[in-house]
Amino acid sequence: MLSLIRHGQTDWNAAGRMQGSSDIPLNDTGRQQAREAVEVLRDSEWDIIVSSPLQRARETAQIIADGLGLELGRSYDLLIERHYGEGEGLTKVEIDERWPNSTVYPGLESLHNVVERGIAALNEITHDYPGKKVIIVCHGTIIRYTLSELAGRDFDQIINGSVSTVEKLHSGWCVHTVNGEPLKRID
């Protein structure tokens, strides 16, 4: 079982800025969200916690590791958030003003690439920690679109500090929860 957690809030999250691969630290709200994630995770046994190398993810992971008495494992570059190119640091309104009527702008990483990285990261982590229950702290866009691909449906925003769970089965990946809510099966 893997638990995917979106890092806690940053000042850029609070301001609605696209931080992507920019290395922005947690704010006090983000640190509190990490402590709240500890309480959600406390009822299960976990073996290790890993994360994206960006400081907002590493600090969230460290707070959770300390709270659960876990080892903070390695970071995975594959888990870095989507690169927003020239949109990094801008709000959605500012992006829409600079590139009206466009969903693509200079340097924006494709969602296809984000999903490929997300799935590759999950596969690498399960290879590195076979049979282990691993907590993974990373970023909203990579979690959202990777889970959407694995579940075959779209999800809304991934909430800062929220816990989503997946499991690798013989038949492929199974998404159990998104933002802490059980995934309702679509027939």
Protein backbone atom coordinates (compact mmCIF):
# COMPACT_ATOMS: atom_id res chain seq x y z
CA MET A 1 0.00 0.00 0.00
CA LEU A 2 1.19 3.47 -0.86
CA SER A 3 -0.13 6.68 0.63
CA LEU A 4 0.22 9.83 -1.48
CA ILE A 5 0.18 13.07 0.48
CA ARG A 6 0.21 16.54 -0.99
CA HIS A 7 2.70 18.75 0.84
CA GLY A 8 1.38 21.37 3.24
CA GLN A 9 0.48 24.87 2.15
CA THR A 10 3.04 27.47 1.05
CA ASP A 11 2.63 31.22 0.74
CA TRP A 12 2.39 30.75 -3.05
CA ASN A 13 -0.44 28.22 -2.57
CA ALA A 14 -2.27 30.73 -0.38
CA ALA A 15 -1.81 33.44 -3.04
CA GLY A 16 -2.91 31.16 -5.90
CA ARG A 17 0.52 31.25 -7.56
CA MET A 18 1.78 28.45 -9.80
CA GLN A 19 4.82 27.18 -7.94
CA GLY A 20 5.46 24.00 -9.90
CA SER A 21 9.13 23.17 -9.72
CA SER A 22 10.01 26.42 -7.90
CA ASP A 23 11.38 25.50 -4.48
CA ILE A 24 9.00 27.33 -2.14
CA PRO A 25 8.99 26.52 1.63
CA LEU A 26 6.00 25.61 3.79
CA ASN A 27 4.22 28.30 5.76
CA ASP A 28 2.82 27.81 9.27
CA THR A 29 -0.50 26.56 7.90
CA GLY A 30 1.40 23.99 5.83
CA ARG A 31 3.29 22.76 8.88
CA GLN A 32 -0.02 22.36 10.74
CA GLN A 33 -1.47 20.42 7.79
CA ALA A 34 1.52 18.07 7.96
CA ARG A 35 0.87 17.51 11.69
CA GLU A 36 -2.80 16.82 10.90
CA ALA A 37 -1.75 14.24 8.29
CA VAL A 38 0.14 12.43 11.08
CA GLU A 39 -3.16 11.93 12.90
CA VAL A 40 -4.83 10.53 9.76
CA LEU A 41 -1.94 8.12 9.18
CA ARG A 42 -1.50 7.08 12.82
CA ASP A 43 -4.11 4.29 12.68
CA SER A 44 -2.05 2.29 10.15
CA GLU A 45 1.43 0.85 10.29
CA TRP A 46 3.93 2.36 7.85
CA ASP A 47 7.45 1.29 7.01
CA ILE A 48 9.04 4.41 5.51
CA ILE A 49 8.33 7.85 4.08
CA VAL A 50 9.82 9.24 0.85
CA SER A 51 9.21 12.47 -1.05
CA SER A 52 9.91 14.86 -3.84
CA PRO A 53 13.21 16.70 -3.30
CA LEU A 54 11.51 20.12 -3.19
CA GLN A 55 11.73 21.63 0.29
CA ARG A 56 7.95 21.93 0.81
CA ALA A 57 7.62 18.17 0.26
CA ARG A 58 10.75 17.24 2.25
CA GLU A 59 9.67 19.35 5.24
CA THR A 60 6.15 17.89 5.16
CA ALA A 61 7.69 14.41 4.99
CA GLN A 62 10.04 15.16 7.89
CA ILE A 63 7.17 16.40 10.09
CA ILE A 64 5.18 13.25 9.31
CA ALA A 65 8.20 10.99 9.81
CA ASP A 66 8.91 12.57 13.19
CA GLY A 67 5.25 12.31 14.20
CA LEU A 68 5.04 8.63 13.28
CA GLY A 69 8.55 7.63 14.36
CA LEU A 70 9.51 6.68 10.80
CA GLU A 71 12.71 6.90 8.84
CA LEU A 72 12.76 9.70 6.27
CA GLY A 73 13.89 7.88 3.16
CA ARG A 74 15.24 9.19 -0.08
CA SER A 75 13.78 11.77 -2.40
CA TYR A 76 12.73 10.99 -5.98
CA ASP A 77 13.22 13.54 -8.75
CA LEU A 78 10.37 11.88 -10.65
CA LEU A 79 8.00 13.25 -7.97
CA ILE A 80 8.83 16.93 -8.62
CA GLU A 81 5.75 19.00 -9.43
CA ARG A 82 4.78 19.92 -12.98
CA HIS A 83 7.04 22.59 -14.44
CA TYR A 84 4.93 25.64 -15.31
CA GLY A 85 7.62 27.27 -17.47
CA GLU A 86 7.06 30.99 -17.89
CA GLY A 87 3.92 30.62 -15.77
CA GLU A 88 5.90 29.80 -12.60
CA GLY A 89 5.07 32.35 -9.91
CA LEU A 90 2.03 33.71 -11.75
CA THR A 91 -1.63 33.37 -10.80
CA LYS A 92 -4.14 31.76 -13.16
CA VAL A 93 -5.53 35.23 -13.95
CA GLU A 94 -2.03 36.47 -14.87
CA ILE A 95 -1.45 33.41 -17.05
CA ASP A 96 -4.79 33.93 -18.82
CA GLU A 97 -3.89 37.59 -19.44
CA ARG A 98 -0.47 36.71 -20.92
CA TRP A 99 -1.65 33.77 -23.01
CA PRO A 100 -5.38 34.29 -23.66
CA ASN A 101 -7.40 31.39 -25.03
CA SER A 102 -4.46 29.03 -24.64
CA THR A 103 -3.90 25.99 -22.46
CA VAL A 104 -0.25 25.85 -23.52
CA TYR A 105 2.43 28.47 -23.01
CA PRO A 106 6.25 28.59 -23.13
CA GLY A 107 7.95 25.95 -20.98
CA LEU A 108 4.75 24.33 -19.65
CA GLU A 109 5.34 20.61 -19.05
CA SER A 110 2.70 18.43 -20.71
CA LEU A 111 0.25 16.55 -18.50
CA HIS A 112 1.21 13.42 -20.43
CA ASN A 113 4.79 13.80 -19.19
CA VAL A 114 3.60 14.51 -15.63
CA VAL A 115 1.53 11.31 -15.60
CA GLU A 116 4.39 9.26 -17.07
CA ARG A 117 6.70 10.55 -14.33
CA GLY A 118 4.08 9.87 -11.65
CA ILE A 119 3.54 6.26 -12.70
CA ALA A 120 7.29 5.71 -13.14
CA ALA A 121 7.83 7.04 -9.60
CA LEU A 122 5.22 4.68 -8.13
CA ASN A 123 6.81 1.74 -9.94
CA GLU A 124 10.30 2.73 -8.80
CA ILE A 125 9.20 3.15 -5.19
CA THR A 126 7.47 -0.25 -5.12
CA HIS A 127 10.62 -1.75 -6.64
CA ASP A 128 12.84 -0.03 -4.03
CA TYR A 129 10.58 -1.04 -1.12
CA PRO A 130 8.95 -4.37 -2.09
CA GLY A 131 6.10 -5.38 0.17
CA LYS A 132 6.47 -2.22 2.28
CA LYS A 133 3.82 0.32 3.23
CA VAL A 134 5.25 3.60 1.98
CA ILE A 135 4.12 7.18 2.52
CA ILE A 136 4.96 9.42 -0.44
CA VAL A 137 4.88 13.21 -0.06
CA CYS A 138 4.76 15.15 -3.30
CA HIS A 139 2.59 17.66 -5.17
CA GLY A 140 -1.00 18.29 -6.18
CA THR A 141 -0.80 18.16 -9.96
CA ILE A 142 1.32 15.02 -10.14
CA ILE A 143 -0.95 13.27 -7.61
CA ARG A 144 -4.17 14.42 -9.28
CA TYR A 145 -3.32 13.42 -12.83
CA THR A 146 -1.53 10.21 -11.89
CA LEU A 147 -4.54 9.09 -9.83
CA SER A 148 -6.87 10.13 -12.67
CA GLU A 149 -4.90 7.97 -15.10
CA LEU A 150 -4.80 4.98 -12.75
CA ALA A 151 -8.51 5.20 -11.88
CA GLY A 152 -9.69 6.05 -15.40
CA ARG A 153 -11.54 9.19 -14.34
CA ASP A 154 -10.91 12.84 -13.55
CA PHE A 155 -10.46 14.18 -10.05
CA ASP A 156 -10.73 17.72 -8.77
CA GLN A 157 -8.02 19.49 -6.83
CA ILE A 158 -5.85 17.55 -4.41
CA ILE A 159 -6.00 19.31 -1.04
CA ASN A 160 -2.82 20.35 0.79
CA GLY A 161 -2.02 17.76 3.45
CA SER A 162 -4.61 15.29 2.15
CA VAL A 163 -4.02 11.54 2.03
CA SER A 164 -4.79 9.40 -1.03
CA THR A 165 -4.02 5.68 -1.20
CA VAL A 166 -3.11 3.30 -4.01
CA GLU A 167 -2.09 -0.32 -4.19
CA LYS A 168 -0.20 -2.25 -6.85
CA LEU A 169 -2.03 -5.46 -7.70
CA HIS A 170 -1.16 -8.15 -10.23
CA SER A 171 -3.72 -6.60 -12.57
CA GLY A 172 -2.35 -3.06 -12.19
CA TRP A 173 -2.81 -0.13 -9.84
CA CYS A 174 -5.91 0.27 -7.67
CA VAL A 175 -6.86 3.69 -6.29
CA HIS A 176 -8.53 3.27 -2.88
CA THR A 177 -8.93 6.85 -1.62
CA VAL A 178 -8.58 10.39 -2.99
CA ASN A 179 -8.29 13.34 -0.59
CA GLY A 180 -9.04 10.91 2.24
CA GLU A 181 -12.37 9.82 0.74
CA PRO A 182 -13.00 6.25 -0.44
CA LEU A 183 -13.18 6.01 -4.20
CA LYS A 184 -16.70 5.19 -5.31
CA ARG A 185 -16.70 2.57 -8.04
CA ILE A 186 -18.20 3.49 -11.38
CA ASP A 187 -20.03 0.64 -13.10
